[in-house]
Amino acid sequence: GLVQPGGSLRLSCASSGSLFSAMSWYRQAPGKQREFVALITSGTFTT
């Protein structure tokens, strides 16, 4: 959605099946390549 600077949002990603052992969020800004944002493993390691 639209949010002011300093604000917060919570994104959700629903899977039709079981999640992969490692799941990531990525983003693509206008005119830029898609980039990695965050990763979580089944063991809840995050980066």
ModelCIF file with pLDDT and N, C-alpha, C, O atoms, coordinates in Angstrom:
data_MODEL
#
_entry.id   MODEL 
#
_entity.id                         1 
_entity.type                       polymer 
_entity.pdbx_number_of_molecules   1 
#
_entity_poly.entity_id                      1 
_entity_poly.type                           'polypeptide(L)' 
_entity_poly.nstd_linkage                   no 
_entity_poly.nstd_monomer                   no 
_entity_poly.pdbx_seq_one_letter_code       GLVQPGGSLRLSCASSGSLFSAMSWYRQAPGKQREFVALITSGTFTT 
_entity_poly.pdbx_seq_one_letter_code_can   GLVQPGGSLRLSCASSGSLFSAMSWYRQAPGKQREFVALITSGTFTT 
_entity_poly.pdbx_strand_id                 A 
#
loop_
_entity_poly_seq.entity_id 
_entity_poly_seq.num 
_entity_poly_seq.mon_id 
_entity_poly_seq.hetero 
1 1  GLY n 
1 2  LEU n 
1 3  VAL n 
1 4  GLN n 
1 5  PRO n 
1 6  GLY n 
1 7  GLY n 
1 8  SER n 
1 9  LEU n 
1 10 ARG n 
1 11 LEU n 
1 12 SER n 
1 13 CYS n 
1 14 ALA n 
1 15 SER n 
1 16 SER n 
1 17 GLY n 
1 18 SER n 
1 19 LEU n 
1 20 PHE n 
1 21 SER n 
1 22 ALA n 
1 23 MET n 
1 24 SER n 
1 25 TRP n 
1 26 TYR n 
1 27 ARG n 
1 28 GLN n 
1 29 ALA n 
1 30 PRO n 
1 31 GLY n 
1 32 LYS n 
1 33 GLN n 
1 34 ARG n 
1 35 GLU n 
1 36 PHE n 
1 37 VAL n 
1 38 ALA n 
1 39 LEU n 
1 40 ILE n 
1 41 THR n 
1 42 SER n 
1 43 GLY n 
1 44 THR n 
1 45 PHE n 
1 46 THR n 
1 47 THR n 
#
_struct_asym.id          A 
_struct_asym.entity_id   1 
#
loop_
_ma_qa_metric.id 
_ma_qa_metric.mode 
_ma_qa_metric.name 
_ma_qa_metric.software_group_id 
_ma_qa_metric.type 
1 global pLDDT . pLDDT 
2 local  pLDDT . pLDDT 
#
_ma_qa_metric_global.metric_id      1 
_ma_qa_metric_global.metric_value   95.81 
_ma_qa_metric_global.model_id       1 
_ma_qa_metric_global.ordinal_id     1 
#
loop_
_ma_qa_metric_local.label_asym_id 
_ma_qa_metric_local.label_comp_id 
_ma_qa_metric_local.label_seq_id 
_ma_qa_metric_local.metric_id 
_ma_qa_metric_local.metric_value 
_ma_qa_metric_local.model_id 
_ma_qa_metric_local.ordinal_id 
A GLY 1  2 97.00 1 1  
A LEU 2  2 98.00 1 2  
A VAL 3  2 98.00 1 3  
A GLN 4  2 98.00 1 4  
A PRO 5  2 98.00 1 5  
A GLY 6  2 98.00 1 6  
A GLY 7  2 98.00 1 7  
A SER 8  2 98.00 1 8  
A LEU 9  2 98.00 1 9  
A ARG 10 2 98.00 1 10 
A LEU 11 2 98.00 1 11 
A SER 12 2 98.00 1 12 
A CYS 13 2 97.00 1 13 
A ALA 14 2 97.00 1 14 
A SER 15 2 96.00 1 15 
A SER 16 2 95.00 1 16 
A GLY 17 2 93.00 1 17 
A SER 18 2 94.00 1 18 
A LEU 19 2 94.00 1 19 
A PHE 20 2 94.00 1 20 
A SER 21 2 95.00 1 21 
A ALA 22 2 97.00 1 22 
A MET 23 2 97.00 1 23 
A SER 24 2 97.00 1 24 
A TRP 25 2 98.00 1 25 
A TYR 26 2 98.00 1 26 
A ARG 27 2 98.00 1 27 
A GLN 28 2 97.00 1 28 
A ALA 29 2 97.00 1 29 
A PRO 30 2 92.00 1 30 
A GLY 31 2 94.00 1 31 
A LYS 32 2 96.00 1 32 
A GLN 33 2 95.00 1 33 
A ARG 34 2 95.00 1 34 
A GLU 35 2 96.00 1 35 
A PHE 36 2 96.00 1 36 
A VAL 37 2 98.00 1 37 
A ALA 38 2 98.00 1 38 
A LEU 39 2 98.00 1 39 
A ILE 40 2 97.00 1 40 
A THR 41 2 96.00 1 41 
A SER 42 2 90.00 1 42 
A GLY 43 2 81.00 1 43 
A THR 44 2 81.00 1 44 
A PHE 45 2 96.00 1 45 
A THR 46 2 98.00 1 46 
A THR 47 2 97.00 1 47 
#
loop_
_atom_site.group_PDB 
_atom_site.id 
_atom_site.type_symbol 
_atom_site.label_atom_id 
_atom_site.label_alt_id 
_atom_site.label_comp_id 
_atom_site.label_asym_id 
_atom_site.label_entity_id 
_atom_site.label_seq_id 
_atom_site.pdbx_PDB_ins_code 
_atom_site.Cartn_x 
_atom_site.Cartn_y 
_atom_site.Cartn_z 
_atom_site.occupancy 
_atom_site.B_iso_or_equiv 
_atom_site.pdbx_formal_charge 
_atom_site.auth_seq_id 
_atom_site.auth_comp_id 
_atom_site.auth_asym_id 
_atom_site.auth_atom_id 
_atom_site.pdbx_PDB_model_num 
ATOM 1   N N  . GLY A 1 1  ? 0.818  -1.205  0.000   1.00 97.00 ? 1  GLY A N  1 
ATOM 2   C CA . GLY A 1 1  ? 0.000  0.000   0.000   1.00 97.00 ? 1  GLY A CA 1 
ATOM 3   C C  . GLY A 1 1  ? 0.844  1.244   0.000   1.00 97.00 ? 1  GLY A C  1 
ATOM 4   O O  . GLY A 1 1  ? 2.054  1.197   -0.220  1.00 97.00 ? 1  GLY A O  1 
ATOM 5   N N  . LEU A 1 2  ? 0.184  2.370   0.253   1.00 98.00 ? 2  LEU A N  1 
ATOM 6   C CA . LEU A 1 2  ? 0.844  3.665   0.326   1.00 98.00 ? 2  LEU A CA 1 
ATOM 7   C C  . LEU A 1 2  ? 1.051  4.012   1.796   1.00 98.00 ? 2  LEU A C  1 
ATOM 8   O O  . LEU A 1 2  ? 0.116  3.953   2.595   1.00 98.00 ? 2  LEU A O  1 
ATOM 9   N N  . VAL A 1 3  ? 2.269  4.370   2.142   1.00 98.00 ? 3  VAL A N  1 
ATOM 10  C CA . VAL A 1 3  ? 2.589  4.700   3.533   1.00 98.00 ? 3  VAL A CA 1 
ATOM 11  C C  . VAL A 1 3  ? 3.545  5.882   3.542   1.00 98.00 ? 3  VAL A C  1 
ATOM 12  O O  . VAL A 1 3  ? 4.344  6.056   2.622   1.00 98.00 ? 3  VAL A O  1 
ATOM 13  N N  . GLN A 1 4  ? 3.455  6.694   4.592   1.00 98.00 ? 4  GLN A N  1 
ATOM 14  C CA . GLN A 1 4  ? 4.356  7.830   4.721   1.00 98.00 ? 4  GLN A CA 1 
ATOM 15  C C  . GLN A 1 4  ? 5.733  7.380   5.198   1.00 98.00 ? 4  GLN A C  1 
ATOM 16  O O  . GLN A 1 4  ? 5.853  6.338   5.843   1.00 98.00 ? 4  GLN A O  1 
ATOM 17  N N  . PRO A 1 5  ? 6.763  8.146   4.891   1.00 98.00 ? 5  PRO A N  1 
ATOM 18  C CA . PRO A 1 5  ? 8.098  7.821   5.419   1.00 98.00 ? 5  PRO A CA 1 
ATOM 19  C C  . PRO A 1 5  ? 8.056  7.678   6.931   1.00 98.00 ? 5  PRO A C  1 
ATOM 20  O O  . PRO A 1 5  ? 7.423  8.470   7.629   1.00 98.00 ? 5  PRO A O  1 
ATOM 21  N N  . GLY A 1 6  ? 8.744  6.648   7.424   1.00 98.00 ? 6  GLY A N  1 
ATOM 22  C CA . GLY A 1 6  ? 8.732  6.354   8.844   1.00 98.00 ? 6  GLY A CA 1 
ATOM 23  C C  . GLY A 1 6  ? 7.633  5.401   9.263   1.00 98.00 ? 6  GLY A C  1 
ATOM 24  O O  . GLY A 1 6  ? 7.612  4.940   10.404  1.00 98.00 ? 6  GLY A O  1 
ATOM 25  N N  . GLY A 1 7  ? 6.728  5.102   8.362   1.00 98.00 ? 7  GLY A N  1 
ATOM 26  C CA . GLY A 1 7  ? 5.616  4.222   8.663   1.00 98.00 ? 7  GLY A CA 1 
ATOM 27  C C  . GLY A 1 7  ? 5.970  2.749   8.570   1.00 98.00 ? 7  GLY A C  1 
ATOM 28  O O  . GLY A 1 7  ? 7.118  2.379   8.327   1.00 98.00 ? 7  GLY A O  1 
ATOM 29  N N  . SER A 1 8  ? 4.950  1.913   8.769   1.00 98.00 ? 8  SER A N  1 
ATOM 30  C CA . SER A 1 8  ? 5.138  0.462   8.777   1.00 98.00 ? 8  SER A CA 1 
ATOM 31  C C  . SER A 1 8  ? 4.096  -0.226  7.907   1.00 98.00 ? 8  SER A C  1 
ATOM 32  O O  . SER A 1 8  ? 2.989  0.273   7.704   1.00 98.00 ? 8  SER A O  1 
ATOM 33  N N  . LEU A 1 9  ? 4.488  -1.380  7.404   1.00 98.00 ? 9  LEU A N  1 
ATOM 34  C CA . LEU A 1 9  ? 3.581  -2.271  6.685   1.00 98.00 ? 9  LEU A CA 1 
ATOM 35  C C  . LEU A 1 9  ? 3.969  -3.702  7.002   1.00 98.00 ? 9  LEU A C  1 
ATOM 36  O O  . LEU A 1 9  ? 5.123  -3.991  7.317   1.00 98.00 ? 9  LEU A O  1 
ATOM 37  N N  . ARG A 1 10 ? 2.996  -4.592  6.915   1.00 98.00 ? 10 ARG A N  1 
ATOM 38  C CA . ARG A 1 10 ? 3.263  -6.018  7.071   1.00 98.00 ? 10 ARG A CA 1 
ATOM 39  C C  . ARG A 1 10 ? 2.783  -6.731  5.815   1.00 98.00 ? 10 ARG A C  1 
ATOM 40  O O  . ARG A 1 10 ? 1.593  -6.731  5.502   1.00 98.00 ? 10 ARG A O  1 
ATOM 41  N N  . LEU A 1 11 ? 3.714  -7.332  5.107   1.00 98.00 ? 11 LEU A N  1 
ATOM 42  C CA . LEU A 1 11 ? 3.392  -8.088  3.907   1.00 98.00 ? 11 LEU A CA 1 
ATOM 43  C C  . LEU A 1 11 ? 3.187  -9.558  4.258   1.00 98.00 ? 11 LEU A C  1 
ATOM 44  O O  . LEU A 1 11 ? 3.807  -10.085 5.182   1.00 98.00 ? 11 LEU A O  1 
ATOM 45  N N  . SER A 1 12 ? 2.309  -10.203 3.507   1.00 98.00 ? 12 SER A N  1 
ATOM 46  C CA . SER A 1 12 ? 2.065  -11.632 3.673   1.00 98.00 ? 12 SER A CA 1 
ATOM 47  C C  . SER A 1 12 ? 2.275  -12.341 2.344   1.00 98.00 ? 12 SER A C  1 
ATOM 48  O O  . SER A 1 12 ? 2.067  -11.763 1.277   1.00 98.00 ? 12 SER A O  1 
ATOM 49  N N  . CYS A 1 13 ? 2.684  -13.585 2.422   1.00 97.00 ? 13 CYS A N  1 
ATOM 50  C CA . CYS A 1 13 ? 2.870  -14.423 1.237   1.00 97.00 ? 13 CYS A CA 1 
ATOM 51  C C  . CYS A 1 13 ? 2.253  -15.775 1.551   1.00 97.00 ? 13 CYS A C  1 
ATOM 52  O O  . CYS A 1 13 ? 2.780  -16.535 2.363   1.00 97.00 ? 13 CYS A O  1 
ATOM 53  N N  . ALA A 1 14 ? 1.144  -16.066 0.910   1.00 97.00 ? 14 ALA A N  1 
ATOM 54  C CA . ALA A 1 14 ? 0.432  -17.316 1.147   1.00 97.00 ? 14 ALA A CA 1 
ATOM 55  C C  . ALA A 1 14 ? 0.774  -18.329 0.068   1.00 97.00 ? 14 ALA A C  1 
ATOM 56  O O  . ALA A 1 14 ? 0.722  -18.024 -1.123  1.00 97.00 ? 14 ALA A O  1 
ATOM 57  N N  . SER A 1 15 ? 1.121  -19.526 0.491   1.00 96.00 ? 15 SER A N  1 
ATOM 58  C CA . SER A 1 15 ? 1.469  -20.590 -0.443  1.00 96.00 ? 15 SER A CA 1 
ATOM 59  C C  . SER A 1 15 ? 0.302  -21.568 -0.592  1.00 96.00 ? 15 SER A C  1 
ATOM 60  O O  . SER A 1 15 ? -0.420 -21.841 0.367   1.00 96.00 ? 15 SER A O  1 
ATOM 61  N N  . SER A 1 16 ? 0.131  -22.091 -1.814  1.00 95.00 ? 16 SER A N  1 
ATOM 62  C CA . SER A 1 16 ? -0.922 -23.082 -2.068  1.00 95.00 ? 16 SER A CA 1 
ATOM 63  C C  . SER A 1 16 ? -0.528 -24.456 -1.554  1.00 95.00 ? 16 SER A C  1 
ATOM 64  O O  . SER A 1 16 ? -1.363 -25.355 -1.463  1.00 95.00 ? 16 SER A O  1 
ATOM 65  N N  . GLY A 1 17 ? 0.740  -24.616 -1.219  1.00 93.00 ? 17 GLY A N  1 
ATOM 66  C CA . GLY A 1 17 ? 1.231  -25.861 -0.675  1.00 93.00 ? 17 GLY A CA 1 
ATOM 67  C C  . GLY A 1 17 ? 2.189  -25.583 0.461   1.00 93.00 ? 17 GLY A C  1 
ATOM 68  O O  . GLY A 1 17 ? 2.220  -24.476 0.999   1.00 93.00 ? 17 GLY A O  1 
ATOM 69  N N  . SER A 1 18 ? 2.956  -26.564 0.822   1.00 94.00 ? 18 SER A N  1 
ATOM 70  C CA . SER A 1 18 ? 3.930  -26.368 1.891   1.00 94.00 ? 18 SER A CA 1 
ATOM 71  C C  . SER A 1 18 ? 4.985  -25.363 1.466   1.00 94.00 ? 18 SER A C  1 
ATOM 72  O O  . SER A 1 18 ? 5.350  -25.289 0.293   1.00 94.00 ? 18 SER A O  1 
ATOM 73  N N  . LEU A 1 19 ? 5.465  -24.598 2.417   1.00 94.00 ? 19 LEU A N  1 
ATOM 74  C CA . LEU A 1 19 ? 6.540  -23.657 2.130   1.00 94.00 ? 19 LEU A CA 1 
ATOM 75  C C  . LEU A 1 19 ? 7.832  -24.399 1.789   1.00 94.00 ? 19 LEU A C  1 
ATOM 76  O O  . LEU A 1 19 ? 8.068  -25.512 2.259   1.00 94.00 ? 19 LEU A O  1 
ATOM 77  N N  . PHE A 1 20 ? 8.647  -23.772 0.977   1.00 94.00 ? 20 PHE A N  1 
ATOM 78  C CA . PHE A 1 20 ? 9.985  -24.289 0.735   1.00 94.00 ? 20 PHE A CA 1 
ATOM 79  C C  . PHE A 1 20 ? 10.798 -24.175 2.016   1.00 94.00 ? 20 PHE A C  1 
ATOM 80  O O  . PHE A 1 20 ? 10.473 -23.371 2.890   1.00 94.00 ? 20 PHE A O  1 
ATOM 81  N N  . SER A 1 21 ? 11.853 -24.973 2.132   1.00 95.00 ? 21 SER A N  1 
ATOM 82  C CA . SER A 1 21 ? 12.669 -24.912 3.348   1.00 95.00 ? 21 SER A CA 1 
ATOM 83  C C  . SER A 1 21 ? 13.279 -23.531 3.516   1.00 95.00 ? 21 SER A C  1 
ATOM 84  O O  . SER A 1 21 ? 13.386 -23.039 4.640   1.00 95.00 ? 21 SER A O  1 
ATOM 85  N N  . ALA A 1 22 ? 13.674 -22.904 2.435   1.00 97.00 ? 22 ALA A N  1 
ATOM 86  C CA . ALA A 1 22 ? 14.146 -21.519 2.469   1.00 97.00 ? 22 ALA A CA 1 
ATOM 87  C C  . ALA A 1 22 ? 13.183 -20.655 1.671   1.00 97.00 ? 22 ALA A C  1 
ATOM 88  O O  . ALA A 1 22 ? 12.853 -20.971 0.528   1.00 97.00 ? 22 ALA A O  1 
ATOM 89  N N  . MET A 1 23 ? 12.739 -19.574 2.274   1.00 97.00 ? 23 MET A N  1 
ATOM 90  C CA . MET A 1 23 ? 11.838 -18.639 1.623   1.00 97.00 ? 23 MET A CA 1 
ATOM 91  C C  . MET A 1 23 ? 12.447 -17.245 1.684   1.00 97.00 ? 23 MET A C  1 
ATOM 92  O O  . MET A 1 23 ? 13.092 -16.878 2.666   1.00 97.00 ? 23 MET A O  1 
ATOM 93  N N  . SER A 1 24 ? 12.236 -16.484 0.633   1.00 97.00 ? 24 SER A N  1 
ATOM 94  C CA . SER A 1 24 ? 12.806 -15.131 0.576   1.00 97.00 ? 24 SER A CA 1 
ATOM 95  C C  . SER A 1 24 ? 11.778 -14.121 0.111   1.00 97.00 ? 24 SER A C  1 
ATOM 96  O O  . SER A 1 24 ? 10.797 -14.448 -0.556  1.00 97.00 ? 24 SER A O  1 
ATOM 97  N N  . TRP A 1 25 ? 12.039 -12.890 0.485   1.00 98.00 ? 25 TRP A N  1 
ATOM 98  C CA . TRP A 1 25 ? 11.369 -11.740 -0.098  1.00 98.00 ? 25 TRP A CA 1 
ATOM 99  C C  . TRP A 1 25 ? 12.370 -11.040 -1.020  1.00 98.00 ? 25 TRP A C  1 
ATOM 100 O O  . TRP A 1 25 ? 13.564 -10.954 -0.733  1.00 98.00 ? 25 TRP A O  1 
ATOM 101 N N  . TYR A 1 26 ? 11.837 -10.548 -2.129  1.00 98.00 ? 26 TYR A N  1 
ATOM 102 C CA . TYR A 1 26 ? 12.608 -9.800  -3.107  1.00 98.00 ? 26 TYR A CA 1 
ATOM 103 C C  . TYR A 1 26 ? 11.818 -8.535  -3.438  1.00 98.00 ? 26 TYR A C  1 
ATOM 104 O O  . TYR A 1 26 ? 10.638 -8.431  -3.105  1.00 98.00 ? 26 TYR A O  1 
ATOM 105 N N  . ARG A 1 27 ? 12.468 -7.583  -4.088  1.00 98.00 ? 27 ARG A N  1 
ATOM 106 C CA . ARG A 1 27 ? 11.745 -6.392  -4.522  1.00 98.00 ? 27 ARG A CA 1 
ATOM 107 C C  . ARG A 1 27 ? 12.335 -5.860  -5.824  1.00 98.00 ? 27 ARG A C  1 
ATOM 108 O O  . ARG A 1 27 ? 13.501 -6.087  -6.144  1.00 98.00 ? 27 ARG A O  1 
ATOM 109 N N  . GLN A 1 28 ? 11.500 -5.153  -6.551  1.00 97.00 ? 28 GLN A N  1 
ATOM 110 C CA . GLN A 1 28 ? 11.942 -4.526  -7.791  1.00 97.00 ? 28 GLN A CA 1 
ATOM 111 C C  . GLN A 1 28 ? 11.398 -3.112  -7.848  1.00 97.00 ? 28 GLN A C  1 
ATOM 112 O O  . GLN A 1 28 ? 10.189 -2.888  -7.913  1.00 97.00 ? 28 GLN A O  1 
ATOM 113 N N  . ALA A 1 29 ? 12.313 -2.177  -7.822  1.00 97.00 ? 29 ALA A N  1 
ATOM 114 C CA . ALA A 1 29 ? 11.949 -0.760  -7.920  1.00 97.00 ? 29 ALA A CA 1 
ATOM 115 C C  . ALA A 1 29 ? 11.878 -0.359  -9.384  1.00 97.00 ? 29 ALA A C  1 
ATOM 116 O O  . ALA A 1 29 ? 12.486 -1.014  -10.230 1.00 97.00 ? 29 ALA A O  1 
ATOM 117 N N  . PRO A 1 30 ? 11.147 0.706   -9.701  1.00 92.00 ? 30 PRO A N  1 
ATOM 118 C CA . PRO A 1 30 ? 11.040 1.141   -11.097 1.00 92.00 ? 30 PRO A CA 1 
ATOM 119 C C  . PRO A 1 30 ? 12.407 1.383   -11.721 1.00 92.00 ? 30 PRO A C  1 
ATOM 120 O O  . PRO A 1 30 ? 13.238 2.103   -11.166 1.00 92.00 ? 30 PRO A O  1 
ATOM 121 N N  . GLY A 1 31 ? 12.629 0.778   -12.872 1.00 94.00 ? 31 GLY A N  1 
ATOM 122 C CA . GLY A 1 31 ? 13.871 0.984   -13.597 1.00 94.00 ? 31 GLY A CA 1 
ATOM 123 C C  . GLY A 1 31 ? 15.071 0.242   -13.040 1.00 94.00 ? 31 GLY A C  1 
ATOM 124 O O  . GLY A 1 31 ? 16.194 0.442   -13.502 1.00 94.00 ? 31 GLY A O  1 
ATOM 125 N N  . LYS A 1 32 ? 14.845 -0.614  -12.049 1.00 96.00 ? 32 LYS A N  1 
ATOM 126 C CA . LYS A 1 32 ? 15.952 -1.351  -11.430 1.00 96.00 ? 32 LYS A CA 1 
ATOM 127 C C  . LYS A 1 32 ? 15.730 -2.850  -11.520 1.00 96.00 ? 32 LYS A C  1 
ATOM 128 O O  . LYS A 1 32 ? 14.617 -3.310  -11.775 1.00 96.00 ? 32 LYS A O  1 
ATOM 129 N N  . GLN A 1 33 ? 16.794 -3.603  -11.311 1.00 95.00 ? 33 GLN A N  1 
ATOM 130 C CA . GLN A 1 33 ? 16.687 -5.056  -11.304 1.00 95.00 ? 33 GLN A CA 1 
ATOM 131 C C  . GLN A 1 33 ? 16.070 -5.532  -9.991  1.00 95.00 ? 33 GLN A C  1 
ATOM 132 O O  . GLN A 1 33 ? 16.150 -4.865  -8.959  1.00 95.00 ? 33 GLN A O  1 
ATOM 133 N N  . ARG A 1 34 ? 15.459 -6.695  -10.068 1.00 95.00 ? 34 ARG A N  1 
ATOM 134 C CA . ARG A 1 34 ? 14.923 -7.310  -8.859  1.00 95.00 ? 34 ARG A CA 1 
ATOM 135 C C  . ARG A 1 34 ? 16.077 -7.637  -7.908  1.00 95.00 ? 34 ARG A C  1 
ATOM 136 O O  . ARG A 1 34 ? 17.140 -8.082  -8.343  1.00 95.00 ? 34 ARG A O  1 
ATOM 137 N N  . GLU A 1 35 ? 15.862 -7.414  -6.615  1.00 96.00 ? 35 GLU A N  1 
ATOM 138 C CA . GLU A 1 35 ? 16.934 -7.639  -5.658  1.00 96.00 ? 35 GLU A CA 1 
ATOM 139 C C  . GLU A 1 35 ? 16.426 -8.405  -4.447  1.00 96.00 ? 35 GLU A C  1 
ATOM 140 O O  . GLU A 1 35 ? 15.239 -8.389  -4.121  1.00 96.00 ? 35 GLU A O  1 
ATOM 141 N N  . PHE A 1 36 ? 17.354 -9.067  -3.800  1.00 96.00 ? 36 PHE A N  1 
ATOM 142 C CA . PHE A 1 36 ? 17.084 -9.810  -2.576  1.00 96.00 ? 36 PHE A CA 1 
ATOM 143 C C  . PHE A 1 36 ? 16.812 -8.852  -1.432  1.00 96.00 ? 36 PHE A C  1 
ATOM 144 O O  . PHE A 1 36 ? 17.459 -7.811  -1.313  1.00 96.00 ? 36 PHE A O  1 
ATOM 145 N N  . VAL A 1 37 ? 15.833 -9.214  -0.574  1.00 98.00 ? 37 VAL A N  1 
ATOM 146 C CA . VAL A 1 37 ? 15.522 -8.413  0.602   1.00 98.00 ? 37 VAL A CA 1 
ATOM 147 C C  . VAL A 1 37 ? 15.793 -9.196  1.887   1.00 98.00 ? 37 VAL A C  1 
ATOM 148 O O  . VAL A 1 37 ? 16.498 -8.712  2.772   1.00 98.00 ? 37 VAL A O  1 
ATOM 149 N N  . ALA A 1 38 ? 15.236 -10.402 1.990   1.00 98.00 ? 38 ALA A N  1 
ATOM 150 C CA . ALA A 1 38 ? 15.361 -11.164 3.237   1.00 98.00 ? 38 ALA A CA 1 
ATOM 151 C C  . ALA A 1 38 ? 15.124 -12.637 2.962   1.00 98.00 ? 38 ALA A C  1 
ATOM 152 O O  . ALA A 1 38 ? 14.444 -13.005 2.004   1.00 98.00 ? 38 ALA A O  1 
ATOM 153 N N  . LEU A 1 39 ? 15.700 -13.480 3.822   1.00 98.00 ? 39 LEU A N  1 
ATOM 154 C CA . LEU A 1 39 ? 15.558 -14.932 3.709   1.00 98.00 ? 39 LEU A CA 1 
ATOM 155 C C  . LEU A 1 39 ? 15.312 -15.532 5.072   1.00 98.00 ? 39 LEU A C  1 
ATOM 156 O O  . LEU A 1 39 ? 15.830 -15.052 6.080   1.00 98.00 ? 39 LEU A O  1 
ATOM 157 N N  . ILE A 1 40 ? 14.511 -16.595 5.097   1.00 97.00 ? 40 ILE A N  1 
ATOM 158 C CA . ILE A 1 40 ? 14.304 -17.361 6.323   1.00 97.00 ? 40 ILE A CA 1 
ATOM 159 C C  . ILE A 1 40 ? 14.321 -18.841 5.966   1.00 97.00 ? 40 ILE A C  1 
ATOM 160 O O  . ILE A 1 40 ? 13.742 -19.249 4.960   1.00 97.00 ? 40 ILE A O  1 
ATOM 161 N N  . THR A 1 41 ? 14.984 -19.639 6.789   1.00 96.00 ? 41 THR A N  1 
ATOM 162 C CA . THR A 1 41 ? 15.022 -21.080 6.579   1.00 96.00 ? 41 THR A CA 1 
ATOM 163 C C  . THR A 1 41 ? 13.987 -21.761 7.476   1.00 96.00 ? 41 THR A C  1 
ATOM 164 O O  . THR A 1 41 ? 13.350 -21.133 8.322   1.00 96.00 ? 41 THR A O  1 
ATOM 165 N N  . SER A 1 42 ? 13.846 -23.054 7.259   1.00 90.00 ? 42 SER A N  1 
ATOM 166 C CA . SER A 1 42 ? 12.900 -23.816 8.076   1.00 90.00 ? 42 SER A CA 1 
ATOM 167 C C  . SER A 1 42 ? 13.335 -23.849 9.528   1.00 90.00 ? 42 SER A C  1 
ATOM 168 O O  . SER A 1 42 ? 12.520 -24.032 10.432  1.00 90.00 ? 42 SER A O  1 
ATOM 169 N N  . GLY A 1 43 ? 14.632 -23.668 9.740   1.00 81.00 ? 43 GLY A N  1 
ATOM 170 C CA . GLY A 1 43 ? 15.147 -23.605 11.097  1.00 81.00 ? 43 GLY A CA 1 
ATOM 171 C C  . GLY A 1 43 ? 15.101 -22.210 11.680  1.00 81.00 ? 43 GLY A C  1 
ATOM 172 O O  . GLY A 1 43 ? 15.644 -21.958 12.755  1.00 81.00 ? 43 GLY A O  1 
ATOM 173 N N  . THR A 1 44 ? 14.457 -21.311 10.975  1.00 81.00 ? 44 THR A N  1 
ATOM 174 C CA . THR A 1 44 ? 14.253 -19.898 11.352  1.00 81.00 ? 44 THR A CA 1 
ATOM 175 C C  . THR A 1 44 ? 15.529 -19.068 11.369  1.00 81.00 ? 44 THR A C  1 
ATOM 176 O O  . THR A 1 44 ? 15.564 -18.001 11.982  1.00 81.00 ? 44 THR A O  1 
ATOM 177 N N  . PHE A 1 45 ? 16.571 -19.541 10.708  1.00 96.00 ? 45 PHE A N  1 
ATOM 178 C CA . PHE A 1 45 ? 17.724 -18.657 10.442  1.00 96.00 ? 45 PHE A CA 1 
ATOM 179 C C  . PHE A 1 45 ? 17.259 -17.566 9.494   1.00 96.00 ? 45 PHE A C  1 
ATOM 180 O O  . PHE A 1 45 ? 16.519 -17.833 8.548   1.00 96.00 ? 45 PHE A O  1 
ATOM 181 N N  . THR A 1 46 ? 17.692 -16.337 9.748   1.00 98.00 ? 46 THR A N  1 
ATOM 182 C CA . THR A 1 46 ? 17.313 -15.225 8.883   1.00 98.00 ? 46 THR A CA 1 
ATOM 183 C C  . THR A 1 46 ? 18.530 -14.430 8.451   1.00 98.00 ? 46 THR A C  1 
ATOM 184 O O  . THR A 1 46 ? 19.538 -14.378 9.156   1.00 98.00 ? 46 THR A O  1 
ATOM 185 N N  . THR A 1 47 ? 18.425 -13.811 7.283   1.00 97.00 ? 47 THR A N  1 
ATOM 186 C CA . THR A 1 47 ? 19.454 -12.905 6.821   1.00 97.00 ? 47 THR A CA 1 
ATOM 187 C C  . THR A 1 47 ? 18.790 -11.838 5.970   1.00 97.00 ? 47 THR A C  1 
ATOM 188 O O  . THR A 1 47 ? 19.468 -10.945 5.460   1.00 97.00 ? 47 THR A O  1 
#
